[in-house]
């Protein structure tokens, strides 16, 4: 009986280790990824900005590129 228990435990353990971890997702990072234009005033002067956000590090971080056109 102990041998059957040992084999069952080994099979269950090996199947759990073989599963890949679930993909990590962050809704805020997903929402901010993309391109957009911003327009407004900075210290009373019209300002225009081009912004591009892209996911990096397996979607765990957001890289933001901002280009100002004042």
N, C-alpha and C. Protein backbone atom coordinates (compact mmCIF):
# COMPACT_ATOMS: atom_id res chain seq x y z
N UNK A 1 0.81 -1.19 0.00
CA UNK A 1 0.00 0.00 0.00
C UNK A 1 0.86 1.26 0.00
N UNK A 2 1.97 1.23 0.76
CA UNK A 2 2.85 2.39 0.81
C UNK A 2 3.49 2.67 -0.54
N UNK A 3 3.75 1.62 -1.30
CA UNK A 3 4.35 1.81 -2.63
C UNK A 3 3.36 2.51 -3.56
N UNK A 4 2.09 2.18 -3.49
CA UNK A 4 1.07 2.83 -4.32
C UNK A 4 0.95 4.32 -3.96
N UNK A 5 1.00 4.60 -2.67
CA UNK A 5 0.92 5.98 -2.20
C UNK A 5 2.13 6.79 -2.67
N UNK A 6 3.30 6.18 -2.62
CA UNK A 6 4.52 6.85 -3.07
C UNK A 6 4.47 7.14 -4.56
N UNK A 7 4.00 6.19 -5.35
CA UNK A 7 3.89 6.39 -6.80
C UNK A 7 2.87 7.47 -7.12
N UNK A 8 1.73 7.46 -6.44
CA UNK A 8 0.70 8.47 -6.67
C UNK A 8 1.21 9.86 -6.31
N UNK A 9 1.92 9.96 -5.21
CA UNK A 9 2.49 11.25 -4.79
C UNK A 9 3.51 11.74 -5.80
N UNK A 10 4.34 10.86 -6.31
CA UNK A 10 5.34 11.23 -7.30
C UNK A 10 4.68 11.72 -8.59
N UNK A 11 3.65 11.03 -9.03
CA UNK A 11 2.96 11.43 -10.27
C UNK A 11 2.28 12.80 -10.13
N UNK A 12 1.64 13.02 -9.00
CA UNK A 12 0.96 14.30 -8.77
C UNK A 12 1.99 15.42 -8.68
N UNK A 13 3.07 15.19 -7.97
CA UNK A 13 4.11 16.22 -7.83
C UNK A 13 4.73 16.58 -9.16
N UNK A 14 5.03 15.58 -9.98
CA UNK A 14 5.68 15.86 -11.26
C UNK A 14 4.74 16.58 -12.21
N UNK A 15 3.43 16.29 -12.17
CA UNK A 15 2.50 16.98 -13.05
C UNK A 15 2.32 18.43 -12.62
N UNK A 16 2.37 18.72 -11.32
CA UNK A 16 2.26 20.10 -10.85
C UNK A 16 3.49 20.91 -11.25
N UNK A 17 4.66 20.32 -11.21
CA UNK A 17 5.88 21.02 -11.58
C UNK A 17 5.95 21.27 -13.08
N UNK A 18 5.32 20.44 -13.87
CA UNK A 18 5.39 20.57 -15.33
C UNK A 18 4.49 21.68 -15.86
N UNK A 19 3.53 22.15 -15.07
CA UNK A 19 2.62 23.19 -15.53
C UNK A 19 3.35 24.53 -15.58
N UNK A 20 3.09 25.31 -16.64
CA UNK A 20 3.71 26.62 -16.75
C UNK A 20 2.92 27.62 -15.90
N UNK A 21 3.60 28.63 -15.35
CA UNK A 21 2.89 29.61 -14.52
C UNK A 21 1.93 30.44 -15.37
N UNK A 22 0.88 30.91 -14.74
CA UNK A 22 -0.10 31.74 -15.43
C UNK A 22 0.53 33.06 -15.85
N UNK A 23 0.11 33.58 -16.99
CA UNK A 23 0.64 34.85 -17.50
C UNK A 23 0.17 35.99 -16.60
N UNK A 24 1.10 36.86 -16.23
CA UNK A 24 0.79 38.00 -15.38
C UNK A 24 0.25 39.12 -16.26
N UNK A 25 -0.85 39.73 -15.89
CA UNK A 25 -1.45 40.82 -16.65
C UNK A 25 -1.79 41.95 -15.69
N UNK A 26 -1.64 43.17 -16.18
CA UNK A 26 -2.03 44.35 -15.42
C UNK A 26 -2.93 45.19 -16.32
N UNK A 27 -4.18 45.38 -15.92
CA UNK A 27 -5.13 46.12 -16.75
C UNK A 27 -4.69 47.56 -16.98
N UNK A 28 -4.04 48.20 -16.01
CA UNK A 28 -3.59 49.58 -16.19
C UNK A 28 -2.51 49.65 -17.26
N UNK A 29 -1.56 48.75 -17.23
CA UNK A 29 -0.50 48.72 -18.25
C UNK A 29 -1.12 48.49 -19.63
N UNK A 30 -2.05 47.55 -19.72
CA UNK A 30 -2.72 47.28 -21.00
C UNK A 30 -3.48 48.51 -21.48
N UNK A 31 -4.12 49.23 -20.57
CA UNK A 31 -4.91 50.40 -20.94
C UNK A 31 -4.03 51.56 -21.43
N UNK A 32 -2.86 51.73 -20.84
CA UNK A 32 -1.99 52.85 -21.20
C UNK A 32 -1.11 52.56 -22.42
N UNK A 33 -1.00 51.32 -22.82
CA UNK A 33 -0.19 50.98 -24.00
C UNK A 33 -0.89 51.51 -25.25
N UNK A 34 -0.11 52.13 -26.12
CA UNK A 34 -0.65 52.69 -27.37
C UNK A 34 -0.09 54.06 -27.63
N UNK A 35 -0.68 54.76 -28.59
CA UNK A 35 -0.22 56.11 -28.96
C UNK A 35 -1.35 57.10 -28.77
N UNK A 36 -1.00 58.29 -28.32
CA UNK A 36 -1.99 59.35 -28.21
C UNK A 36 -1.30 60.69 -28.27
N UNK A 37 -2.08 61.74 -28.55
CA UNK A 37 -1.59 63.11 -28.61
C UNK A 37 -2.23 63.90 -27.49
N UNK A 38 -1.43 64.76 -26.87
CA UNK A 38 -1.92 65.62 -25.80
C UNK A 38 -1.76 67.07 -26.24
N UNK A 39 -2.72 67.89 -25.91
CA UNK A 39 -2.64 69.32 -26.22
C UNK A 39 -3.17 70.09 -25.02
N UNK A 40 -2.53 71.21 -24.74
CA UNK A 40 -2.96 72.04 -23.63
C UNK A 40 -2.03 73.22 -23.47
N UNK A 41 -2.03 73.79 -22.30
CA UNK A 41 -1.17 74.94 -22.02
C UNK A 41 -0.19 74.57 -20.91
N UNK A 42 1.05 75.00 -21.08
CA UNK A 42 2.08 74.85 -20.07
C UNK A 42 2.60 76.24 -19.78
N UNK A 43 2.38 76.71 -18.58
CA UNK A 43 2.79 78.06 -18.16
C UNK A 43 2.26 79.11 -19.14
N UNK A 44 1.02 78.95 -19.57
CA UNK A 44 0.38 79.92 -20.44
C UNK A 44 0.72 79.78 -21.91
N UNK A 45 1.55 78.84 -22.29
CA UNK A 45 1.96 78.63 -23.69
C UNK A 45 1.32 77.35 -24.20
N UNK A 46 0.81 77.39 -25.43
CA UNK A 46 0.24 76.19 -26.04
C UNK A 46 1.32 75.11 -26.13
N UNK A 47 0.93 73.89 -25.79
CA UNK A 47 1.88 72.77 -25.84
C UNK A 47 1.20 71.58 -26.49
N UNK A 48 1.97 70.84 -27.26
CA UNK A 48 1.50 69.62 -27.91
C UNK A 48 2.51 68.52 -27.64
N UNK A 49 2.02 67.36 -27.28
CA UNK A 49 2.89 66.23 -26.95
C UNK A 49 2.41 64.98 -27.69
N UNK A 50 3.36 64.22 -28.19
CA UNK A 50 3.08 62.90 -28.75
C UNK A 50 3.59 61.88 -27.74
N UNK A 51 2.73 60.95 -27.35
CA UNK A 51 3.07 59.97 -26.33
C UNK A 51 2.88 58.57 -26.91
N UNK A 52 3.83 57.72 -26.62
CA UNK A 52 3.71 56.31 -27.04
C UNK A 52 4.07 55.45 -25.84
N UNK A 53 3.17 54.56 -25.46
CA UNK A 53 3.41 53.63 -24.35
C UNK A 53 3.44 52.22 -24.90
N UNK A 54 4.46 51.46 -24.51
CA UNK A 54 4.52 50.07 -24.96
C UNK A 54 4.93 49.18 -23.80
N UNK A 55 4.35 48.00 -23.77
CA UNK A 55 4.62 47.04 -22.71
C UNK A 55 6.03 46.48 -22.87
N UNK A 56 6.66 46.23 -21.74
CA UNK A 56 7.99 45.62 -21.75
C UNK A 56 8.09 44.66 -20.57
N UNK A 57 9.15 43.89 -20.54
CA UNK A 57 9.42 42.93 -19.46
C UNK A 57 8.23 42.01 -19.23
N UNK A 58 7.80 41.33 -20.32
CA UNK A 58 6.69 40.38 -20.25
C UNK A 58 5.41 41.04 -19.73
N UNK A 59 5.14 42.26 -20.20
CA UNK A 59 3.93 43.00 -19.87
C UNK A 59 3.86 43.37 -18.38
N UNK A 60 5.00 43.45 -17.71
CA UNK A 60 5.02 43.81 -16.30
C UNK A 60 5.38 45.27 -16.10
N UNK A 61 5.77 45.96 -17.16
CA UNK A 61 6.17 47.36 -17.06
C UNK A 61 5.71 48.09 -18.32
N UNK A 62 5.68 49.41 -18.24
CA UNK A 62 5.27 50.23 -19.37
C UNK A 62 6.40 51.21 -19.69
N UNK A 63 6.86 51.19 -20.92
CA UNK A 63 7.88 52.13 -21.39
C UNK A 63 7.14 53.27 -22.06
N UNK A 64 7.39 54.50 -21.63
CA UNK A 64 6.69 55.67 -22.16
C UNK A 64 7.69 56.57 -22.87
N UNK A 65 7.37 56.93 -24.11
CA UNK A 65 8.18 57.85 -24.90
C UNK A 65 7.34 59.11 -25.12
N UNK A 66 7.82 60.25 -24.65
CA UNK A 66 7.10 61.51 -24.74
C UNK A 66 7.92 62.49 -25.58
N UNK A 67 7.31 63.05 -26.63
CA UNK A 67 7.95 64.04 -27.47
C UNK A 67 7.14 65.31 -27.34
N UNK A 68 7.78 66.39 -26.85
CA UNK A 68 7.09 67.68 -26.66
C UNK A 68 7.29 68.56 -27.88
N UNK A 69 6.19 69.18 -28.30
CA UNK A 69 6.24 70.15 -29.41
C UNK A 69 5.56 71.42 -28.93
N UNK A 70 6.30 72.25 -28.26
CA UNK A 70 5.75 73.49 -27.71
C UNK A 70 5.72 74.58 -28.76
